[in-house]
Amino acid sequence: MGQERFADVVERFTGVGAGEPPAETVKRWHEELERGFRRLQNFHGLVTNPVEPRTGQTPRVEVYKRNKSRLYRYESSRTHRIPVLFVPNLGISRPYIFDLLPGGSFVEHMTRQGFDFYMLDWGVFGPEDNDLTVEDCVTRILPRMARRVLETSSFVATHPEVPVRNFVNMAGPIDFAKVGLFGLWLGKQNFNVDRFVDTLGSVPADLVKAGFKLLKPTMDLSTNLNLWWNLWNDKYVEGFQALSKWANEYVAFPGEFFRQWVRDFYQDNKLYRGELVMGGRPVRLERITCPVFVVGAKEDYIAPPECVQALIDAVGSRDKQYVELPGGHISLIAGRGAAVHCWPKVSGWLGTRS
């Protein structure tokens, strides 16, 4: 039923002298019926002709690669001199969550603010990478990527003494004694990580996905209910499809990476306790003295706010700040809420120090 025809029906059945409903009520009826019609249209399209969402559309160039890892530099006016290297978590999910859709992209926001923005894509690891450890990523891959950022941005030529000018932690866990349900599941008393890795070799993507689903079993139900009520909104549907694509594209964990990650972080909490050793050198958070900005999410059940905020007390920096924002682990960094609450705070904090 088209819009004009529906208006005629409303007028015929409700426009009856003194007893006719107020104009505002008729308007609401009209809007709700139109939304219902749009819901059915979009539902039909999702079922019969699903469209693959185009993610990661911010223009970029590949400036370096190391095995499966890639370093990308994004187009921008580059009005801020100090380059920004963004390092997503390794594994679990694909980094295009930070460049989901035009108008809903952290990368796009940062480039529009004039930052010389780089992002590391660790790649998709397979069984051939099972010997890769957390230490390999931290002491071999990441330093090479950081050096290439400095070289391609020309920053190293003028500021060779400052390899890291500022540090931003967006919902990254630090004190694993406060990490929540994952910490309970992966604790020594409940989980034998050596037997697990020795048996499976790696952590399959489907198992990673199942673990996150079990953290909040009702999430799919509430997500689909939200979709139905917003199915009339084309922009919402587009965003839902993009986020759904990402949420179902988990990747496998290399076996030795998972072993070290669970043992040293979840089980022994070595980073926060000052007992972690990487490349033969102790990793001590109090040695961090550059400006530090930490962002936590109030409803985060993957990295609860208290385990993220712990970085503030651990570092030796004088210039340090913690903010706690509405949302969960994903909505903090992606979506409409992130565009309002998180991204402007991160770019604003960096902007005054760049």
Protein backbone atom coordinates (compact mmCIF):
# COMPACT_ATOMS: atom_id res chain seq x y z
CA MET A 1 0.00 0.00 0.00
CA GLY A 2 1.52 3.29 -1.09
CA GLN A 3 1.69 6.42 1.03
CA GLU A 4 -1.00 8.42 -0.84
CA ARG A 5 -3.42 5.54 -0.81
CA PHE A 6 -2.96 4.99 2.90
CA ALA A 7 -3.63 8.69 3.57
CA ASP A 8 -6.94 8.36 1.70
CA VAL A 9 -7.92 5.36 3.83
CA VAL A 10 -7.11 7.23 7.05
CA GLU A 11 -9.18 10.20 5.95
CA ARG A 12 -12.13 8.01 4.92
CA PHE A 13 -12.28 6.00 8.16
CA THR A 14 -11.28 8.62 10.71
CA GLY A 15 -12.32 11.98 9.28
CA VAL A 16 -15.91 11.99 10.57
CA GLY A 17 -16.91 15.39 11.96
CA ALA A 18 -16.54 16.20 15.63
CA GLY A 19 -15.58 12.65 16.50
CA GLU A 20 -12.48 12.53 14.33
CA PRO A 21 -9.21 11.64 16.11
CA PRO A 22 -6.68 14.41 16.69
CA ALA A 23 -4.33 15.06 13.77
CA GLU A 24 -1.33 13.95 15.84
CA THR A 25 -2.94 10.54 16.49
CA VAL A 26 -3.67 10.04 12.81
CA LYS A 27 -0.10 10.99 12.02
CA ARG A 28 1.22 8.36 14.44
CA TRP A 29 -1.07 5.70 12.93
CA HIS A 30 0.17 6.63 9.51
CA GLU A 31 3.82 6.44 10.55
CA GLU A 32 3.39 3.10 12.31
CA LEU A 33 1.61 1.51 9.35
CA GLU A 34 4.32 2.78 7.03
CA ARG A 35 6.94 1.32 9.36
CA GLY A 36 5.12 -2.00 9.33
CA PHE A 37 5.11 -1.99 5.56
CA ARG A 38 8.85 -1.17 5.50
CA ARG A 39 9.51 -3.98 8.01
CA LEU A 40 7.86 -6.51 5.71
CA GLN A 41 9.75 -5.17 2.69
CA ASN A 42 13.14 -5.32 4.40
CA PHE A 43 12.40 -8.71 5.95
CA HIS A 44 11.56 -10.08 2.51
CA GLY A 45 14.82 -8.64 1.16
CA LEU A 46 16.90 -10.11 3.98
CA VAL A 47 15.42 -13.57 3.42
CA THR A 48 15.22 -13.73 -0.38
CA ASN A 49 18.03 -11.45 -1.53
CA PRO A 50 20.61 -10.83 1.23
CA VAL A 51 23.22 -8.27 0.23
CA GLU A 52 26.86 -8.62 1.29
CA PRO A 53 27.68 -5.37 3.14
CA ARG A 54 30.67 -3.38 1.90
CA THR A 55 32.90 -2.90 4.92
CA GLY A 56 36.30 -1.22 5.23
CA GLN A 57 35.64 1.53 2.67
CA THR A 58 37.98 4.24 3.99
CA PRO A 59 40.73 4.69 1.33
CA ARG A 60 44.05 3.16 2.33
CA VAL A 61 47.33 1.80 1.00
CA GLU A 62 49.36 -1.16 2.18
CA VAL A 63 52.76 0.12 3.31
CA TYR A 64 54.28 -3.02 4.77
CA LYS A 65 53.66 -6.74 5.15
CA ARG A 66 55.28 -9.42 7.26
CA ASN A 67 54.08 -12.95 6.60
CA LYS A 68 50.31 -12.70 7.09
CA SER A 69 50.33 -9.34 8.86
CA ARG A 70 49.68 -6.13 6.95
CA LEU A 71 50.17 -2.45 7.82
CA TYR A 72 47.75 0.04 6.22
CA ARG A 73 47.99 3.81 6.00
CA TYR A 74 44.74 5.73 5.50
CA GLU A 75 44.17 8.84 3.42
CA SER A 76 43.75 12.05 5.40
CA SER A 77 44.73 15.72 5.41
CA ARG A 78 47.39 14.80 8.03
CA THR A 79 47.16 18.05 9.91
CA HIS A 80 48.48 16.33 13.05
CA ARG A 81 52.22 15.70 12.84
CA ILE A 82 52.44 12.64 15.10
CA PRO A 83 51.27 9.42 13.38
CA VAL A 84 48.80 7.09 15.08
CA LEU A 85 49.35 3.32 14.99
CA PHE A 86 46.18 1.43 15.86
CA VAL A 87 46.75 -2.16 17.03
CA PRO A 88 43.60 -4.34 17.28
CA ASN A 89 43.57 -7.56 19.26
CA LEU A 90 45.19 -10.51 17.54
CA GLY A 91 42.77 -13.16 16.39
CA ILE A 92 39.19 -13.56 17.59
CA SER A 93 37.75 -11.20 14.96
CA ARG A 94 38.59 -9.15 11.90
CA PRO A 95 39.78 -5.52 12.33
CA TYR A 96 37.26 -4.02 9.89
CA ILE A 97 35.00 -3.55 12.92
CA PHE A 98 36.90 -0.26 13.26
CA ASP A 99 36.02 0.69 9.67
CA LEU A 100 32.56 -0.81 9.44
CA LEU A 101 30.58 1.56 7.22
CA PRO A 102 30.81 5.17 6.00
CA GLY A 103 29.42 7.31 8.80
CA GLY A 104 29.97 4.50 11.29
CA SER A 105 33.74 4.08 11.20
CA PHE A 106 36.34 4.90 13.84
CA VAL A 107 39.02 4.98 11.12
CA GLU A 108 36.97 7.43 9.06
CA HIS A 109 36.46 9.63 12.12
CA MET A 110 40.18 9.75 12.87
CA THR A 111 41.16 10.55 9.29
CA ARG A 112 38.56 13.32 9.13
CA GLN A 113 40.15 14.78 12.24
CA GLY A 114 43.43 14.99 10.31
CA PHE A 115 45.38 12.16 11.95
CA ASP A 116 48.02 10.26 9.98
CA PHE A 117 46.31 6.97 10.80
CA TYR A 118 47.81 3.48 10.45
CA MET A 119 46.21 0.17 11.36
CA LEU A 120 47.81 -3.23 11.84
CA ASP A 121 45.93 -6.24 10.46
CA TRP A 122 47.40 -9.38 12.02
CA GLY A 123 45.86 -11.55 9.30
CA VAL A 124 44.06 -14.88 9.49
CA PHE A 125 46.23 -17.58 11.00
CA GLY A 126 45.99 -21.27 10.16
CA PRO A 127 47.43 -24.55 11.49
CA GLU A 128 50.80 -23.65 9.98
CA ASP A 129 51.02 -20.76 12.48
CA ASN A 130 50.46 -22.81 15.63
CA ASP A 131 53.99 -22.08 16.87
CA LEU A 132 53.32 -18.33 16.95
CA THR A 133 53.35 -16.97 20.51
CA VAL A 134 52.29 -13.74 22.19
CA GLU A 135 55.99 -13.02 22.63
CA ASP A 136 56.59 -13.37 18.86
CA CYS A 137 53.87 -10.81 18.15
CA VAL A 138 55.10 -8.35 20.78
CA THR A 139 58.87 -8.59 20.23
CA ARG A 140 59.10 -9.34 16.50
CA ILE A 141 56.06 -8.31 14.47
CA LEU A 142 54.84 -5.24 16.34
CA PRO A 143 58.24 -3.45 16.55
CA ARG A 144 58.73 -3.88 12.79
CA MET A 145 55.31 -2.36 12.14
CA ALA A 146 56.02 0.55 14.48
CA ARG A 147 59.34 1.28 12.79
CA ARG A 148 57.67 1.28 9.39
CA VAL A 149 55.07 3.78 10.65
CA LEU A 150 57.85 6.11 11.78
CA GLU A 151 59.71 5.72 8.49
CA THR A 152 56.75 6.27 6.18
CA SER A 153 55.43 9.20 8.22
CA SER A 154 58.90 10.85 8.37
CA PHE A 155 58.36 11.37 12.12
CA VAL A 156 61.47 9.36 13.00
CA ALA A 157 63.66 11.81 11.10
CA THR A 158 62.69 14.72 13.31
CA HIS A 159 61.88 12.95 16.59
CA PRO A 160 64.09 9.83 16.81
CA GLU A 161 64.10 9.96 20.60
CA VAL A 162 60.31 9.57 20.94
CA PRO A 163 59.16 6.20 19.54
CA VAL A 164 55.88 6.28 21.55
CA ARG A 165 54.47 9.75 22.22
CA ASN A 166 51.02 8.84 23.58
CA PHE A 167 49.22 5.63 24.48
CA VAL A 168 45.46 4.97 24.29
CA ASN A 169 43.83 1.82 25.65
CA MET A 170 40.27 1.26 24.44
CA ALA A 171 38.68 -1.48 26.58
CA GLY A 172 41.85 -3.56 26.78
CA PRO A 173 42.07 -5.82 29.88
CA ILE A 174 45.02 -5.19 32.23
CA ASP A 175 44.24 -6.72 35.64
CA PHE A 176 43.08 -10.22 34.77
CA ALA A 177 42.04 -10.90 38.36
CA LYS A 178 39.04 -8.69 37.54
CA VAL A 179 38.30 -9.94 34.04
CA GLY A 180 34.98 -11.57 34.85
CA LEU A 181 33.48 -14.83 33.60
CA PHE A 182 36.27 -15.57 31.11
CA GLY A 183 38.71 -15.42 34.01
CA LEU A 184 36.64 -18.00 35.90
CA TRP A 185 36.35 -20.34 32.93
CA LEU A 186 40.05 -20.14 32.05
CA GLY A 187 41.37 -20.26 35.63
CA LYS A 188 43.84 -22.96 36.60
CA GLN A 189 41.30 -24.77 38.72
CA ASN A 190 38.88 -25.13 35.79
CA PHE A 191 40.98 -25.24 32.63
CA ASN A 192 44.06 -27.23 31.66
CA VAL A 193 45.44 -25.10 28.83
CA ASP A 194 48.38 -27.44 28.11
CA ARG A 195 46.12 -30.46 27.60
CA PHE A 196 43.77 -28.35 25.48
CA VAL A 197 46.47 -27.05 23.11
CA ASP A 198 48.33 -30.38 22.97
CA THR A 199 45.09 -32.08 21.93
CA LEU A 200 43.64 -29.58 19.45
CA GLY A 201 46.77 -27.79 18.21
CA SER A 202 44.85 -24.53 17.79
CA VAL A 203 41.57 -22.99 18.90
CA PRO A 204 39.04 -23.36 16.05
CA ALA A 205 37.03 -20.30 15.06
CA ASP A 206 33.73 -22.02 15.91
CA LEU A 207 34.98 -22.71 19.44
CA VAL A 208 36.02 -19.07 19.88
CA LYS A 209 32.57 -18.00 18.69
CA ALA A 210 30.85 -20.42 21.06
CA GLY A 211 32.84 -19.05 24.01
CA PHE A 212 31.67 -15.51 23.37
CA LYS A 213 28.08 -16.64 22.80
CA LEU A 214 28.08 -18.46 26.16
CA LEU A 215 29.11 -15.27 27.95
CA LYS A 216 25.65 -13.88 27.24
CA PRO A 217 23.35 -16.62 25.86
CA THR A 218 20.36 -14.28 25.42
CA MET A 219 22.28 -11.84 23.23
CA ASP A 220 21.05 -13.32 19.93
CA LEU A 221 17.44 -13.10 21.09
CA SER A 222 17.67 -9.45 22.13
CA THR A 223 19.63 -8.61 18.97
CA ASN A 224 16.96 -10.13 16.73
CA LEU A 225 14.17 -8.41 18.66
CA ASN A 226 15.93 -5.08 18.19
CA LEU A 227 16.29 -5.85 14.50
CA TRP A 228 12.56 -6.51 14.15
CA TRP A 229 11.53 -3.27 15.83
CA ASN A 230 14.00 -1.32 13.69
CA LEU A 231 13.51 -3.27 10.49
CA TRP A 232 11.69 -0.32 8.94
CA ASN A 233 14.89 1.76 9.15
CA ASP A 234 17.13 1.12 6.12
CA LYS A 235 20.19 2.60 7.85
CA TYR A 236 19.70 0.38 10.87
CA VAL A 237 19.36 -2.70 8.64
CA GLU A 238 22.53 -1.77 6.76
CA GLY A 239 24.45 -1.39 10.02
CA PHE A 240 22.99 -4.62 11.39
CA GLN A 241 24.09 -6.57 8.32
CA ALA A 242 27.63 -5.19 8.53
CA LEU A 243 27.93 -5.89 12.25
CA SER A 244 26.39 -9.34 11.82
CA LYS A 245 28.94 -10.16 9.14
CA TRP A 246 31.76 -9.19 11.48
CA ALA A 247 30.23 -10.98 14.49
CA ASN A 248 30.12 -14.26 12.57
CA GLU A 249 33.61 -14.02 11.10
CA TYR A 250 35.68 -15.24 14.03
CA VAL A 251 39.16 -16.56 13.30
CA ALA A 252 41.20 -19.32 14.91
CA PHE A 253 43.81 -18.77 17.64
CA PRO A 254 47.32 -20.16 17.00
CA GLY A 255 47.92 -22.90 19.57
CA GLU A 256 51.04 -21.52 21.27
CA PHE A 257 49.62 -18.00 21.29
CA PHE A 258 46.54 -19.26 23.12
CA ARG A 259 48.67 -21.29 25.55
CA GLN A 260 50.79 -18.27 26.53
CA TRP A 261 47.84 -15.88 26.54
CA VAL A 262 45.82 -18.04 28.93
CA ARG A 263 48.73 -19.10 31.16
CA ASP A 264 50.55 -15.77 31.53
CA PHE A 265 47.56 -13.43 31.54
CA TYR A 266 44.33 -15.15 32.59
CA GLN A 267 45.87 -17.67 34.99
CA ASP A 268 48.97 -15.94 36.40
CA ASN A 269 48.13 -12.26 35.74
CA LYS A 270 51.81 -11.65 35.05
CA LEU A 271 51.44 -8.33 33.25
CA TYR A 272 49.69 -6.59 36.12
CA ARG A 273 51.83 -8.30 38.78
CA GLY A 274 55.06 -7.18 37.05
CA GLU A 275 56.23 -10.75 36.40
CA LEU A 276 55.88 -10.90 32.62
CA VAL A 277 59.06 -11.39 30.55
CA MET A 278 59.18 -10.78 26.78
CA GLY A 279 62.32 -11.20 24.68
CA GLY A 280 64.35 -11.80 27.82
CA ARG A 281 63.33 -8.45 29.29
CA PRO A 282 60.85 -7.80 32.12
CA VAL A 283 57.66 -5.99 31.15
CA ARG A 284 56.93 -3.41 33.85
CA LEU A 285 53.92 -1.15 33.47
CA GLU A 286 55.39 1.45 35.84
CA ARG A 287 58.06 2.16 33.21
CA ILE A 288 55.40 3.68 30.96
CA THR A 289 55.78 7.44 31.41
CA CYS A 290 54.19 8.84 28.24
CA PRO A 291 50.67 10.33 28.42
CA VAL A 292 48.07 7.56 28.83
CA PHE A 293 44.35 7.64 28.06
CA VAL A 294 42.16 4.68 29.10
CA VAL A 295 38.54 4.11 28.02
CA GLY A 296 36.26 1.59 29.74
CA ALA A 297 32.66 0.59 29.04
CA LYS A 298 30.09 0.46 31.83
CA GLU A 299 28.32 -2.68 30.54
CA ASP A 300 31.41 -4.50 29.29
CA TYR A 301 31.28 -8.17 30.30
CA ILE A 302 34.36 -9.15 28.24
CA ALA A 303 36.75 -6.59 29.75
CA PRO A 304 34.92 -5.15 32.78
CA PRO A 305 35.71 -1.50 33.59
CA GLU A 306 37.71 -2.30 36.73
CA CYS A 307 40.13 -4.57 34.87
CA VAL A 308 40.68 -1.88 32.21
CA GLN A 309 41.00 1.06 34.63
CA ALA A 310 43.79 -0.81 36.45
CA LEU A 311 46.28 0.53 33.89
CA ILE A 312 45.94 4.03 35.34
CA ASP A 313 47.26 2.99 38.73
CA ALA A 314 49.99 0.78 37.24
CA VAL A 315 51.74 3.22 34.86
CA GLY A 316 54.35 5.78 35.90
CA SER A 317 52.85 8.55 33.76
CA ARG A 318 51.92 11.92 35.24
CA ASP A 319 49.58 12.75 32.36
CA LYS A 320 46.97 10.00 32.59
CA GLN A 321 43.20 9.92 32.38
CA TYR A 322 40.43 7.33 32.62
CA VAL A 323 36.89 7.72 31.27
CA GLU A 324 34.04 5.26 31.61
CA LEU A 325 31.41 5.48 28.90
CA PRO A 326 27.99 3.91 28.25
CA GLY A 327 27.82 0.66 26.32
CA GLY A 328 29.46 -2.72 26.07
CA HIS A 329 32.73 -4.02 24.66
CA ILE A 330 31.68 -3.64 21.01
CA SER A 331 29.28 -0.70 21.25
CA LEU A 332 32.08 1.29 22.89
CA ILE A 333 34.10 1.23 19.67
CA ALA A 334 31.51 0.69 16.93
CA GLY A 335 28.06 2.06 16.19
CA ARG A 336 26.06 5.20 16.85
CA GLY A 337 26.91 5.34 20.55
CA ALA A 338 30.64 5.13 19.85
CA ALA A 339 30.42 8.01 17.38
CA VAL A 340 28.82 10.18 20.08
CA HIS A 341 30.64 9.09 23.24
CA CYS A 342 33.98 7.41 22.49
CA TRP A 343 35.53 8.56 19.22
CA PRO A 344 35.40 12.32 19.93
CA LYS A 345 37.03 11.80 23.33
CA VAL A 346 39.87 9.73 21.86
CA SER A 347 40.52 12.14 18.98
CA GLY A 348 40.18 15.15 21.27
CA TRP A 349 42.66 13.76 23.80
CA LEU A 350 45.17 12.82 21.10
CA GLY A 351 44.66 16.08 19.22
CA THR A 352 45.88 18.22 22.11
CA ARG A 353 49.02 16.05 22.39
CA SER A 354 49.82 15.74 18.68
